[in-house]
PDB file of N, CA and C in Angstrom:
ATOM      1  N   MET A   1      34.040 -20.106 115.319  1.00  0.00           N
ATOM      2  CA  MET A   1      33.641 -20.210 113.729  1.00  0.00           C
ATOM      3  C   MET A   1      33.906 -21.735 113.481  1.00  0.00           C
ATOM      4  N   ALA A   2      32.891 -22.201 112.692  1.00  0.00           N
ATOM      5  CA  ALA A   2      33.024 -23.726 112.124  1.00  0.00           C
ATOM      6  C   ALA A   2      33.233 -23.378 110.572  1.00  0.00           C
ATOM      7  N   ASN A   3      34.312 -24.367 110.165  1.00  0.00           N
ATOM      8  CA  ASN A   3      34.516 -24.577 108.787  1.00  0.00           C
ATOM      9  C   ASN A   3      33.954 -25.780 108.247  1.00  0.00           C
ATOM     10  N   THR A   4      33.291 -25.760 106.981  1.00  0.00           N
ATOM     11  CA  THR A   4      32.807 -26.845 106.576  1.00  0.00           C
ATOM     12  C   THR A   4      32.998 -26.955 105.056  1.00  0.00           C
ATOM     13  N   PHE A   5      33.456 -28.193 104.650  1.00  0.00           N
ATOM     14  CA  PHE A   5      33.919 -28.336 103.318  1.00  0.00           C
ATOM     15  C   PHE A   5      32.580 -28.821 102.652  1.00  0.00           C
ATOM     16  N   ARG A   6      32.259 -28.289 101.388  1.00  0.00           N
ATOM     17  CA  ARG A   6      31.020 -28.771 100.651  1.00  0.00           C
ATOM     18  C   ARG A   6      31.412 -29.036  99.246  1.00  0.00           C
ATOM     19  N   VAL A   7      30.570 -29.654  98.672  1.00  0.00           N
ATOM     20  CA  VAL A   7      30.512 -29.952  97.101  1.00  0.00           C
ATOM     21  C   VAL A   7      29.070 -29.662  96.527  1.00  0.00           C
ATOM     22  N   VAL A   8      28.974 -29.038  95.510  1.00  0.00           N
ATOM     23  CA  VAL A   8      27.683 -28.824  94.785  1.00  0.00           C
ATOM     24  C   VAL A   8      27.855 -29.397  93.302  1.00  0.00           C
ATOM     25  N   THR A   9      26.928 -30.243  92.884  1.00  0.00           N
ATOM     26  CA  THR A   9      27.109 -30.655  91.380  1.00  0.00           C
ATOM     27  C   THR A   9      25.866 -30.425  90.776  1.00  0.00           C
ATOM     28  N   LYS A  10      26.102 -30.425  89.406  1.00  0.00           N
ATOM     29  CA  LYS A  10      24.937 -30.096  88.385  1.00  0.00           C
ATOM     30  C   LYS A  10      25.284 -30.937  87.235  1.00  0.00           C
ATOM     31  N   SER A  11      24.254 -31.247  86.781  1.00  0.00           N
ATOM     32  CA  SER A  11      24.406 -32.199  85.543  1.00  0.00           C
ATOM     33  C   SER A  11      23.421 -31.495  84.368  1.00  0.00           C
ATOM     34  N   GLY A  12      24.071 -30.911  83.331  1.00  0.00           N
ATOM     35  CA  GLY A  12      23.710 -29.854  82.648  1.00  0.00           C
ATOM     36  C   GLY A  12      23.357 -28.563  83.031  1.00  0.00           C
ATOM     37  N   VAL A  13      23.504 -27.684  82.176  1.00  0.00           N
ATOM     38  CA  VAL A  13      23.556 -26.018  82.687  1.00  0.00           C
ATOM     39  C   VAL A  13      22.687 -25.539  81.637  1.00  0.00           C
ATOM     40  N   ALA A  14      22.349 -24.216  82.054  1.00  0.00           N
ATOM     41  CA  ALA A  14      21.465 -23.547  81.106  1.00  0.00           C
ATOM     42  C   ALA A  14      22.324 -23.008  79.899  1.00  0.00           C
ATOM     43  N   THR A  15      21.832 -22.816  78.683  1.00  0.00           N
ATOM     44  CA  THR A  15      22.163 -22.220  77.718  1.00  0.00           C
ATOM     45  C   THR A  15      21.928 -20.866  77.209  1.00  0.00           C
ATOM     46  N   ASP A  16      21.147 -20.247  78.194  1.00  0.00           N
ATOM     47  CA  ASP A  16      20.690 -18.762  77.808  1.00  0.00           C
ATOM     48  C   ASP A  16      21.340 -17.832  78.893  1.00  0.00           C
ATOM     49  N   SER A  17      22.159 -17.179  78.403  1.00  0.00           N
ATOM     50  CA  SER A  17      22.850 -16.057  79.322  1.00  0.00           C
ATOM     51  C   SER A  17      21.924 -15.134  80.181  1.00  0.00           C
ATOM     52  N   SER A  18      20.779 -15.019  79.745  1.00  0.00           N
ATOM     53  CA  SER A  18      19.955 -14.174  80.551  1.00  0.00           C
ATOM     54  C   SER A  18      19.186 -14.799  81.650  1.00  0.00           C
ATOM     55  N   SER A  19      19.110 -16.341  81.662  1.00  0.00           N
ATOM     56  CA  SER A  19      18.940 -17.251  82.779  1.00  0.00           C
ATOM     57  C   SER A  19      19.947 -18.280  83.126  1.00  0.00           C
ATOM     58  N   PRO A  20      21.065 -17.808  83.616  1.00  0.00           N
ATOM     59  CA  PRO A  20      22.003 -19.074  83.909  1.00  0.00           C
ATOM     60  C   PRO A  20      21.567 -20.029  84.978  1.00  0.00           C
ATOM     61  N   THR A  21      22.383 -21.059  85.196  1.00  0.00           N
ATOM     62  CA  THR A  21      22.056 -21.922  86.354  1.00  0.00           C
ATOM     63  C   THR A  21      23.001 -21.454  87.405  1.00  0.00           C
ATOM     64  N   SER A  22      22.160 -21.446  88.608  1.00  0.00           N
ATOM     65  CA  SER A  22      22.732 -20.879  89.696  1.00  0.00           C
ATOM     66  C   SER A  22      23.381 -22.259  90.371  1.00  0.00           C
ATOM     67  N   LEU A  23      24.586 -22.015  90.692  1.00  0.00           N
ATOM     68  CA  LEU A  23      25.360 -23.253  91.347  1.00  0.00           C
ATOM     69  C   LEU A  23      25.189 -23.161  92.668  1.00  0.00           C
ATOM     70  N   TYR A  24      25.432 -21.888  93.502  1.00  0.00           N
ATOM     71  CA  TYR A  24      25.416 -21.789  94.584  1.00  0.00           C
ATOM     72  C   TYR A  24      25.140 -20.376  95.292  1.00  0.00           C
ATOM     73  N   THR A  25      24.537 -20.263  96.165  1.00  0.00           N
ATOM     74  CA  THR A  25      24.151 -18.892  96.911  1.00  0.00           C
ATOM     75  C   THR A  25      24.625 -18.973  98.301  1.00  0.00           C
ATOM     76  N   VAL A  26      25.699 -17.976  98.657  1.00  0.00           N
ATOM     77  CA  VAL A  26      26.094 -18.084  99.911  1.00  0.00           C
ATOM     78  C   VAL A  26      24.972 -17.622 101.122  1.00  0.00           C
ATOM     79  N   PRO A  27      24.789 -18.654 101.980  1.00  0.00           N
ATOM     80  CA  PRO A  27      23.710 -18.360 103.004  1.00  0.00           C
ATOM     81  C   PRO A  27      24.102 -17.129 103.867  1.00  0.00           C
ATOM     82  N   ALA A  28      22.957 -16.718 104.649  1.00  0.00           N
ATOM     83  CA  ALA A  28      23.257 -15.649 105.772  1.00  0.00           C
ATOM     84  C   ALA A  28      24.222 -16.251 106.690  1.00  0.00           C
ATOM     85  N   SER A  29      24.958 -15.049 107.263  1.00  0.00           N
ATOM     86  CA  SER A  29      26.012 -15.287 108.193  1.00  0.00           C
ATOM     87  C   SER A  29      27.083 -16.194 107.909  1.00  0.00           C
ATOM     88  N   THR A  30      27.345 -16.088 106.593  1.00  0.00           N
ATOM     89  CA  THR A  30      28.456 -17.344 105.944  1.00  0.00           C
ATOM     90  C   THR A  30      29.438 -16.534 105.085  1.00  0.00           C
ATOM     91  N   THR A  31      30.616 -17.005 105.057  1.00  0.00           N
ATOM     92  CA  THR A  31      31.734 -16.441 104.053  1.00  0.00           C
ATOM     93  C   THR A  31      32.173 -17.853 103.467  1.00  0.00           C
ATOM     94  N   SER A  32      32.172 -17.862 102.087  1.00  0.00           N
ATOM     95  CA  SER A  32      32.663 -19.265 101.405  1.00  0.00           C
ATOM     96  C   SER A  32      33.875 -18.852 100.789  1.00  0.00           C
ATOM     97  N   VAL A  33      34.814 -19.879 100.912  1.00  0.00           N
ATOM     98  CA  VAL A  33      36.009 -19.875 100.099  1.00  0.00           C
ATOM     99  C   VAL A  33      36.012 -20.939  98.793  1.00  0.00           C
ATOM    100  N   VAL A  34      36.371 -20.471  97.801  1.00  0.00           N
ATOM    101  CA  VAL A  34      36.372 -21.308  96.645  1.00  0.00           C
ATOM    102  C   VAL A  34      37.433 -22.220  96.660  1.00  0.00           C
ATOM    103  N   LEU A  35      37.193 -23.402  96.477  1.00  0.00           N
ATOM    104  CA  LEU A  35      38.405 -24.340  96.262  1.00  0.00           C
ATOM    105  C   LEU A  35      38.587 -24.846  94.831  1.00  0.00           C
ATOM    106  N   ALA A  36      37.765 -25.242  94.140  1.00  0.00           N
ATOM    107  CA  ALA A  36      37.886 -25.616  92.840  1.00  0.00           C
ATOM    108  C   ALA A  36      36.329 -25.632  92.012  1.00  0.00           C
ATOM    109  N   LEU A  37      36.628 -25.663  90.676  1.00  0.00           N
ATOM    110  CA  LEU A  37      35.152 -25.821  89.905  1.00  0.00           C
ATOM    111  C   LEU A  37      35.789 -26.661  88.639  1.00  0.00           C
ATOM    112  N   LEU A  38      35.295 -27.756  88.503  1.00  0.00           N
ATOM    113  CA  LEU A  38      35.643 -28.801  87.410  1.00  0.00           C
ATOM    114  C   LEU A  38      34.356 -28.623  86.595  1.00  0.00           C
ATOM    115  N   LEU A  39      34.663 -28.573  85.175  1.00  0.00           N
ATOM    116  CA  LEU A  39      33.904 -28.600  84.101  1.00  0.00           C
ATOM    117  C   LEU A  39      34.034 -29.799  83.277  1.00  0.00           C
ATOM    118  N   THR A  40      33.048 -30.583  83.046  1.00  0.00           N
ATOM    119  CA  THR A  40      33.116 -31.796  82.369  1.00  0.00           C
ATOM    120  C   THR A  40      32.105 -31.753  81.162  1.00  0.00           C
ATOM    121  N   ASN A  41      32.910 -31.876  79.970  1.00  0.00           N
ATOM    122  CA  ASN A  41      31.922 -31.790  78.538  1.00  0.00           C
ATOM    123  C   ASN A  41      31.662 -33.218  78.235  1.00  0.00           C
ATOM    124  N   LYS A  42      30.537 -33.388  78.141  1.00  0.00           N
ATOM    125  CA  LYS A  42      29.988 -34.909  77.558  1.00  0.00           C
ATOM    126  C   LYS A  42      29.603 -34.907  76.327  1.00  0.00           C
ATOM    127  N   HIS A  43      29.718 -33.817  75.583  1.00  0.00           N
ATOM    128  CA  HIS A  43      29.426 -33.642  74.292  1.00  0.00           C
ATOM    129  C   HIS A  43      30.416 -34.105  73.190  1.00  0.00           C
ATOM    130  N   SER A  44      30.161 -34.454  72.056  1.00  0.00           N
ATOM    131  CA  SER A  44      31.090 -34.751  70.958  1.00  0.00           C
ATOM    132  C   SER A  44      31.770 -33.645  70.262  1.00  0.00           C
ATOM    133  N   GLN A  45      31.482 -32.341  70.732  1.00  0.00           N
ATOM    134  CA  GLN A  45      32.014 -31.098  70.207  1.00  0.00           C
ATOM    135  C   GLN A  45      32.593 -30.370  71.572  1.00  0.00           C
ATOM    136  N   SER A  46      33.238 -29.423  71.126  1.00  0.00           N
ATOM    137  CA  SER A  46      33.820 -28.398  72.284  1.00  0.00           C
ATOM    138  C   SER A  46      32.622 -27.705  72.818  1.00  0.00           C
ATOM    139  N   ILE A  47      32.693 -27.163  74.159  1.00  0.00           N
ATOM    140  CA  ILE A  47      31.699 -26.330  74.706  1.00  0.00           C
ATOM    141  C   ILE A  47      32.246 -25.157  75.130  1.00  0.00           C
ATOM    142  N   LYS A  48      31.574 -23.920  75.026  1.00  0.00           N
ATOM    143  CA  LYS A  48      32.096 -22.581  75.645  1.00  0.00           C
ATOM    144  C   LYS A  48      31.213 -22.355  76.966  1.00  0.00           C
ATOM    145  N   ALA A  49      31.957 -22.038  77.972  1.00  0.00           N
ATOM    146  CA  ALA A  49      31.099 -21.838  79.300  1.00  0.00           C
ATOM    147  C   ALA A  49      31.578 -20.451  79.832  1.00  0.00           C
ATOM    148  N   THR A  50      30.700 -19.788  80.615  1.00  0.00           N
ATOM    149  CA  THR A  50      30.823 -18.801  81.160  1.00  0.00           C
ATOM    150  C   THR A  50      30.482 -18.935  82.678  1.00  0.00           C
ATOM    151  N   VAL A  51      31.299 -18.336  83.612  1.00  0.00           N
ATOM    152  CA  VAL A  51      31.077 -18.295  85.019  1.00  0.00           C
ATOM    153  C   VAL A  51      30.883 -17.001  85.499  1.00  0.00           C
ATOM    154  N   VAL A  52      29.730 -16.738  86.043  1.00  0.00           N
ATOM    155  CA  VAL A  52      29.365 -15.462  86.600  1.00  0.00           C
ATOM    156  C   VAL A  52      29.327 -15.417  88.229  1.00  0.00           C
ATOM    157  N   LEU A  53      29.915 -14.314  88.622  1.00  0.00           N
ATOM    158  CA  LEU A  53      29.720 -14.111  90.236  1.00  0.00           C
ATOM    159  C   LEU A  53      28.775 -12.757  90.362  1.00  0.00           C
ATOM    160  N   ASP A  54      27.625 -13.042  90.996  1.00  0.00           N
ATOM    161  CA  ASP A  54      26.665 -12.045  90.931  1.00  0.00           C
ATOM    162  C   ASP A  54      26.592 -11.795  92.371  1.00  0.00           C
ATOM    163  N   SER A  55      27.160 -10.537  92.542  1.00  0.00           N
ATOM    164  CA  SER A  55      27.442  -9.974  93.966  1.00  0.00           C
ATOM    165  C   SER A  55      26.895  -8.582  94.092  1.00  0.00           C
ATOM    166  N   ASP A  56      26.020  -8.377  95.153  1.00  0.00           N
ATOM    167  CA  ASP A  56      25.426  -7.113  95.438  1.00  0.00           C
ATOM    168  C   ASP A  56      25.908  -6.329  96.819  1.00  0.00           C
ATOM    169  N   THR A  57      27.032  -7.050  97.388  1.00  0.00           N
ATOM    170  CA  THR A  57      27.570  -6.783  98.534  1.00  0.00           C
ATOM    171  C   THR A  57      28.234  -5.428  98.462  1.00  0.00           C
ATOM    172  N   THR A  58      28.109  -4.679  99.229  1.00  0.00           N
ATOM    173  CA  THR A  58      28.941  -3.322  99.554  1.00  0.00           C
ATOM    174  C   THR A  58      29.992  -3.415 100.652  1.00  0.00           C
ATOM    175  N   VAL A  59      31.159  -3.304 100.127  1.00  0.00           N
ATOM    176  CA  VAL A  59      32.344  -3.401 101.122  1.00  0.00           C
ATOM    177  C   VAL A  59      32.654  -1.950 101.362  1.00  0.00           C
ATOM    178  N   PRO A  60      32.897  -1.819 102.964  1.00  0.00           N
ATOM    179  CA  PRO A  60      33.128  -0.433 103.425  1.00  0.00           C
ATOM    180  C   PRO A  60      34.493  -0.010 102.569  1.00  0.00           C
ATOM    181  N   GLY A  61      34.317   1.331 102.295  1.00  0.00           N
ATOM    182  CA  GLY A  61      35.306   1.979 101.597  1.00  0.00           C
ATOM    183  C   GLY A  61      35.340   1.731 100.113  1.00  0.00           C
ATOM    184  N   ALA A  62      34.448   0.887  99.324  1.00  0.00           N
ATOM    185  CA  ALA A  62      34.346   0.729  98.076  1.00  0.00           C
ATOM    186  C   ALA A  62      33.016   0.885  97.562  1.00  0.00           C
ATOM    187  N   SER A  63      32.620   0.845  96.242  1.00  0.00           N
ATOM    188  CA  SER A  63      31.480   1.115  95.747  1.00  0.00           C
ATOM    189  C   SER A  63      30.788  -0.344  95.963  1.00  0.00           C
ATOM    190  N   ALA A  64      29.514  -0.231  95.718  1.00  0.00           N
ATOM    191  CA  ALA A  64      28.710  -1.620  95.639  1.00  0.00           C
ATOM    192  C   ALA A  64      29.277  -2.512  94.777  1.00  0.00           C
ATOM    193  N   ASN A  65      29.228  -3.910  94.710  1.00  0.00           N
ATOM    194  CA  ASN A  65      29.737  -5.029  93.841  1.00  0.00           C
ATOM    195  C   ASN A  65      28.620  -5.051  92.649  1.00  0.00           C
ATOM    196  N   VAL A  66      29.086  -5.799  91.723  1.00  0.00           N
ATOM    197  CA  VAL A  66      28.165  -5.930  90.625  1.00  0.00           C
ATOM    198  C   VAL A  66      28.318  -7.297  90.136  1.00  0.00           C
ATOM    199  N   ALA A  67      27.633  -7.772  89.231  1.00  0.00           N
ATOM    200  CA  ALA A  67      27.615  -9.172  88.417  1.00  0.00           C
ATOM    201  C   ALA A  67      28.979  -8.996  87.646  1.00  0.00           C
ATOM    202  N   VAL A  68      29.901  -9.851  87.608  1.00  0.00           N
ATOM    203  CA  VAL A  68      30.755  -9.864  86.689  1.00  0.00           C
ATOM    204  C   VAL A  68      31.395 -11.409  86.272  1.00  0.00           C
ATOM    205  N   ASN A  69      31.963 -11.641  85.023  1.00  0.00           N
ATOM    206  CA  ASN A  69      32.427 -12.627  84.569  1.00  0.00           C
ATOM    207  C   ASN A  69      33.685 -13.082  85.207  1.00  0.00           C
ATOM    208  N   ILE A  70      33.612 -14.268  85.736  1.00  0.00           N
ATOM    209  CA  ILE A  70      34.902 -14.828  86.349  1.00  0.00           C
ATOM    210  C   ILE A  70      35.625 -15.521  85.213  1.00  0.00           C
ATOM    211  N   LEU A  71      34.975 -16.138  84.292  1.00  0.00           N
ATOM    212  CA  LEU A  71      35.318 -16.906  83.135  1.00  0.00           C
ATOM    213  C   LEU A  71      34.684 -16.489  81.953  1.00  0.00           C
ATOM    214  N   LYS A  72      34.982 -16.280  80.931  1.00  0.00           N
ATOM    215  CA  LYS A  72      34.188 -15.863  79.786  1.00  0.00           C
ATOM    216  C   LYS A  72      34.427 -16.628  78.524  1.00  0.00           C
ATOM    217  N   ASP A  73      33.426 -17.510  78.019  1.00  0.00           N
ATOM    218  CA  ASP A  73      33.576 -18.272  76.900  1.00  0.00           C
ATOM    219  C   ASP A  73      34.861 -19.296  76.906  1.00  0.00           C
ATOM    220  N   ILE A  74      35.113 -19.806  78.113  1.00  0.00           N
ATOM    221  CA  ILE A  74      36.223 -20.800  78.193  1.00  0.00           C
ATOM    222  C   ILE A  74      35.984 -22.007  77.536  1.00  0.00           C
ATOM    223  N   SER A  75      36.766 -22.522  76.682  1.00  0.00           N
ATOM    224  CA  SER A  75      36.481 -23.721  75.794  1.00  0.00           C
ATOM    225  C   SER A  75      36.963 -24.919  76.637  1.00  0.00           C
ATOM    226  N   ILE A  76      35.965 -25.912  76.558  1.00  0.00           N
ATOM    227  CA  ILE A  76      36.206 -27.261  77.003  1.00  0.00           C
ATOM    228  C   ILE A  76      36.204 -28.162  75.909  1.00  0.00           C
ATOM    229  N   SER A  77      37.169 -28.769  75.616  1.00  0.00           N
ATOM    230  CA  SER A  77      37.299 -29.833  74.516  1.00  0.00           C
ATOM    231  C   SER A  77      36.252 -30.911  74.478  1.00  0.00           C
ATOM    232  N   GLU A  78      35.785 -31.351  73.483  1.00  0.00           N
ATOM    233  CA  GLU A  78      34.909 -32.640  73.544  1.00  0.00           C
ATOM    234  C   GLU A  78      35.266 -33.794  74.370  1.00  0.00           C
ATOM    235  N   GLU A  79      34.303 -34.354  75.120  1.00  0.00           N
ATOM    236  CA  GLU A  79      34.596 -35.479  76.090  1.00  0.00           C
ATOM    237  C   GLU A  79      35.682 -35.178  77.038  1.00  0.00           C
ATOM    238  N   SER A  80      35.920 -33.977  77.596  1.00  0.00           N
ATOM    239  CA  SER A  80      37.103 -33.920  78.462  1.00  0.00           C
ATOM    240  C   SER A  80      36.605 -33.146  79.538  1.00  0.00           C
ATOM    241  N   ALA A  81      37.382 -32.776  80.576  1.00  0.00           N
ATOM    242  CA  ALA A  81      37.136 -32.055  81.539  1.00  0.00           C
ATOM    243  C   ALA A  81      38.238 -30.874  81.894  1.00  0.00           C
ATOM    244  N   LEU A  82      37.831 -29.866  82.545  1.00  0.00           N
ATOM    245  CA  LEU A  82      38.878 -28.650  82.865  1.00  0.00           C
ATOM    246  C   LEU A  82      38.554 -28.293  84.169  1.00  0.00           C
ATOM    247  N   GLU A  83      39.709 -28.375  85.097  1.00  0.00           N
ATOM    248  CA  GLU A  83      39.489 -27.588  86.359  1.00  0.00           C
ATOM    249  C   GLU A  83      39.858 -26.340  86.468  1.00  0.00           C
ATOM    250  N   LEU A  84      39.180 -25.559  87.029  1.00  0.00           N
ATOM    251  CA  LEU A  84      39.364 -24.073  87.103  1.00  0.00           C
ATOM    252  C   LEU A  84      39.241 -23.609  88.279  1.00  0.00           C
ATOM    253  N   LEU A  85      39.686 -22.475  88.702  1.00  0.00           N
ATOM    254  CA  LEU A  85      39.693 -21.611  89.953  1.00  0.00           C
ATOM    255  C   LEU A  85      40.647 -22.301  91.125  1.00  0.00           C
ATOM    256  N   ALA A  86      41.054 -23.444  90.774  1.00  0.00           N
ATOM    257  CA  ALA A  86      41.809 -24.237  92.022  1.00  0.00           C
ATOM    258  C   ALA A  86      42.961 -23.532  92.068  1.00  0.00           C
ATOM    259  N   GLY A  87      43.512 -23.280  93.363  1.00  0.00           N
ATOM    260  CA  GLY A  87      44.803 -22.769  93.730  1.00  0.00           C
ATOM    261  C   GLY A  87      44.568 -21.169  94.187  1.00  0.00           C
ATOM    262  N   GLN A  88      43.595 -20.821  93.517  1.00  0.00           N
ATOM    263  CA  GLN A  88      43.242 -19.207  93.545  1.00  0.00           C
ATOM    264  C   GLN A  88      42.292 -18.897  95.075  1.00  0.00           C
ATOM    265  N   LYS A  89      42.229 -17.732  95.261  1.00  0.00           N
ATOM    266  CA  LYS A  89      41.632 -17.344  96.605  1.00  0.00           C
ATOM    267  C   LYS A  89      40.392 -16.579  95.969  1.00  0.00           C
ATOM    268  N   TYR A  90      39.315 -17.169  96.117  1.00  0.00           N
ATOM    269  CA  TYR A  90      38.042 -16.291  95.875  1.00  0.00           C
ATOM    270  C   TYR A  90      37.190 -16.329  96.951  1.00  0.00           C
ATOM    271  N   VAL A  91      36.895 -15.235  97.642  1.00  0.00           N
ATOM    272  CA  VAL A  91      35.996 -15.276  98.673  1.00  0.00           C
ATOM    273  C   VAL A  91      34.564 -14.820  98.344  1.00  0.00           C
ATOM    274  N   LEU A  92      33.677 -15.452  98.569  1.00  0.00           N
ATOM    275  CA  LEU A  92      32.111 -15.247  98.312  1.00  0.00           C
ATOM    276  C   LEU A  92      31.616 -14.876  99.618  1.00  0.00           C
ATOM    277  N   GLY A  93      30.979 -13.616  99.684  1.00  0.00           N
ATOM    278  CA  GLY A  93      29.942 -13.137 100.698  1.00  0.00           C
ATOM    279  C   GLY A  93      28.628 -13.491 100.806  1.00  0.00           C
ATOM    280  N   THR A  94      28.151 -13.171 101.930  1.00  0.00           N
ATOM    281  CA  THR A  94      26.567 -13.550 102.175  1.00  0.00           C
ATOM    282  C   THR A  94      25.628 -13.089 100.951  1.00  0.00           C
ATOM    283  N   THR A  95      24.862 -13.713 100.504  1.00  0.00           N
ATOM    284  CA  THR A  95      24.086 -13.544  99.239  1.00  0.00           C
ATOM    285  C   THR A  95      24.742 -13.580  97.940  1.00  0.00           C
ATOM    286  N   ASP A  96      25.996 -13.526  97.965  1.00  0.00           N
ATOM    287  CA  ASP A  96      26.685 -13.734  96.401  1.00  0.00           C
ATOM    288  C   ASP A  96      26.334 -15.179  95.997  1.00  0.00           C
ATOM    289  N   ILE A  97      26.191 -15.173  94.425  1.00  0.00           N
ATOM    290  CA  ILE A  97      25.748 -16.101  93.774  1.00  0.00           C
ATOM    291  C   ILE A  97      26.622 -16.526  92.614  1.00  0.00           C
ATOM    292  N   LEU A  98      27.093 -17.834  92.497  1.00  0.00           N
ATOM    293  CA  LEU A  98      27.924 -18.247  91.522  1.00  0.00           C
ATOM    294  C   LEU A  98      27.035 -18.909  90.588  1.00  0.00           C
ATOM    295  N   LYS A  99      26.956 -18.497  89.089  1.00  0.00           N
ATOM    296  CA  LYS A  99      26.180 -18.707  88.212  1.00  0.00           C
ATOM    297  C   LYS A  99      27.061 -19.459  86.979  1.00  0.00           C
ATOM    298  N   ILE A 100      26.479 -20.205  86.199  1.00  0.00           N
ATOM    299  CA  ILE A 100      27.087 -20.785  84.895  1.00  0.00           C
ATOM    300  C   ILE A 100      26.152 -20.897  83.466  1.00  0.00           C
ATOM    301  N   TYR A 101      26.514 -20.696  82.451  1.00  0.00           N
ATOM    302  CA  TYR A 101      25.801 -21.157  81.452  1.00  0.00           C
ATOM    303  C   TYR A 101      26.899 -21.486  80.287  1.00  0.00           C
ATOM    304  N   ALA A 102      26.226 -22.112  79.276  1.00  0.00           N
ATOM    305  CA  ALA A 102      27.128 -22.724  78.226  1.00  0.00           C
ATOM    306  C   ALA A 102      26.581 -22.721  77.007  1.00  0.00           C
ATOM    307  N   ASP A 103      27.224 -22.894  75.889  1.00  0.00           N
ATOM    308  CA  ASP A 103      26.677 -22.922  74.522  1.00  0.00           C
ATOM    309  C   ASP A 103      25.975 -24.223  74.098  1.00  0.00           C
ATOM    310  N   ASN A 104      26.205 -25.071  75.140  1.00  0.00           N
ATOM    311  CA  ASN A 104      25.697 -26.670  74.941  1.00  0.00           C
ATOM    312  C   ASN A 104      25.183 -27.102  76.521  1.00  0.00           C
ATOM    313  N   ALA A 105      24.160 -27.594  76.676  1.00  0.00           N
ATOM    314  CA  ALA A 105      23.594 -28.062  77.950  1.00  0.00           C
ATOM    315  C   ALA A 105      24.501 -29.367  78.446  1.00  0.00           C
ATOM    316  N   ASN A 106      25.165 -30.003  77.754  1.00  0.00           N
ATOM    317  CA  ASN A 106      25.794 -31.192  78.053  1.00  0.00           C
ATOM    318  C   ASN A 106      27.069 -31.000  79.037  1.00  0.00           C
ATOM    319  N   LEU A 107      27.082 -30.325  79.875  1.00  0.00           N
ATOM    320  CA  LEU A 107      28.288 -29.849  80.833  1.00  0.00           C
ATOM    321  C   LEU A 107      27.974 -30.114  82.072  1.00  0.00           C
ATOM    322  N   ASP A 108      28.739 -30.995  82.745  1.00  0.00           N
ATOM    323  CA  ASP A 108      28.562 -31.264  84.271  1.00  0.00           C
ATOM    324  C   ASP A 108      29.420 -30.381  84.947  1.00  0.00           C
ATOM    325  N   VAL A 109      29.155 -30.104  86.106  1.00  0.00           N
ATOM    326  CA  VAL A 109      29.819 -29.080  87.042  1.00  0.00           C
ATOM    327  C   VAL A 109      30.100 -29.672  88.348  1.00  0.00           C
ATOM    328  N   THR A 110      31.178 -29.561  88.913  1.00  0.00           N
ATOM    329  CA  THR A 110      31.374 -29.936  90.271  1.00  0.00           C
ATOM    330  C   THR A 110      32.061 -28.644  90.848  1.00  0.00           C
ATOM    331  N   PHE A 111      31.526 -28.263  91.966  1.00  0.00           N
ATOM    332  CA  PHE A 111      32.108 -26.988  92.716  1.00  0.00           C
ATOM    333  C   PHE A 111      32.370 -27.358  94.190  1.00  0.00           C
ATOM    334  N   SER A 112      33.547 -27.050  94.560  1.00  0.00           N
ATOM    335  CA  SER A 112      34.129 -27.338  95.909  1.00  0.00           C
ATOM    336  C   SER A 112      34.501 -26.223  96.693  1.00  0.00           C
ATOM    337  N   PHE A 113      34.094 -25.958  97.835  1.00  0.00           N
ATOM    338  CA  PHE A 113      34.134 -24.855  98.667  1.00  0.00           C
ATOM    339  C   PHE A 113      34.133 -25.034 100.073  1.00  0.00           C
ATOM    340  N   MET A 114      34.543 -23.960 100.822  1.00  0.00           N
ATOM    341  CA  MET A 114      34.613 -24.016 102.338  1.00  0.00           C
ATOM    342  C   MET A 114      33.722 -22.870 102.863  1.00  0.00           C
ATOM    343  N   GLU A 115      32.626 -23.274 103.758  1.00  0.00           N
ATOM    344  CA  GLU A 115      31.890 -22.448 104.327  1.00  0.00           C
ATOM    345  C   GLU A 115      32.336 -22.129 105.894  1.00  0.00           C
ATOM    346  N   ILE A 116      32.529 -20.877 106.028  1.00  0.00           N
ATOM    347  CA  ILE A 116      32.863 -20.449 107.273  1.00  0.00           C
ATOM    348  C   ILE A 116      31.745 -19.813 107.985  1.00  0.00           C
ATOM    349  N   THR A 117      31.320 -20.246 109.055  1.00  0.00           N
ATOM    350  CA  THR A 117      30.078 -19.745 109.801  1.00  0.00           C
ATOM    351  C   THR A 117      30.429 -19.403 111.234  1.00  0.00           C
TER     352      THR A 117
END
């Protein structure tokens, strides 16, 4: 098994909850461990952001997963950054997708994770 540290960055995100920005889709034969998510507000007013984990994986002994909000309407003050999910253990399986949208597109995103293949 190989462990590879990775980072995904986005400048600007979707403002429509029906078509959020996809940050990362877990590749085939891969498990990913979330390390941190940094949201940076470039706007002169606060921004509310929502992070969604879209998972259709079925875990043996449990029902099929569904899309859920990891963070809902989290407020990021004007011209500041907020680090989220750091120190927690979030495991993403094959085909899981991490998505984000906000009430203003002036949001930069830095997503750090480790892929296990």
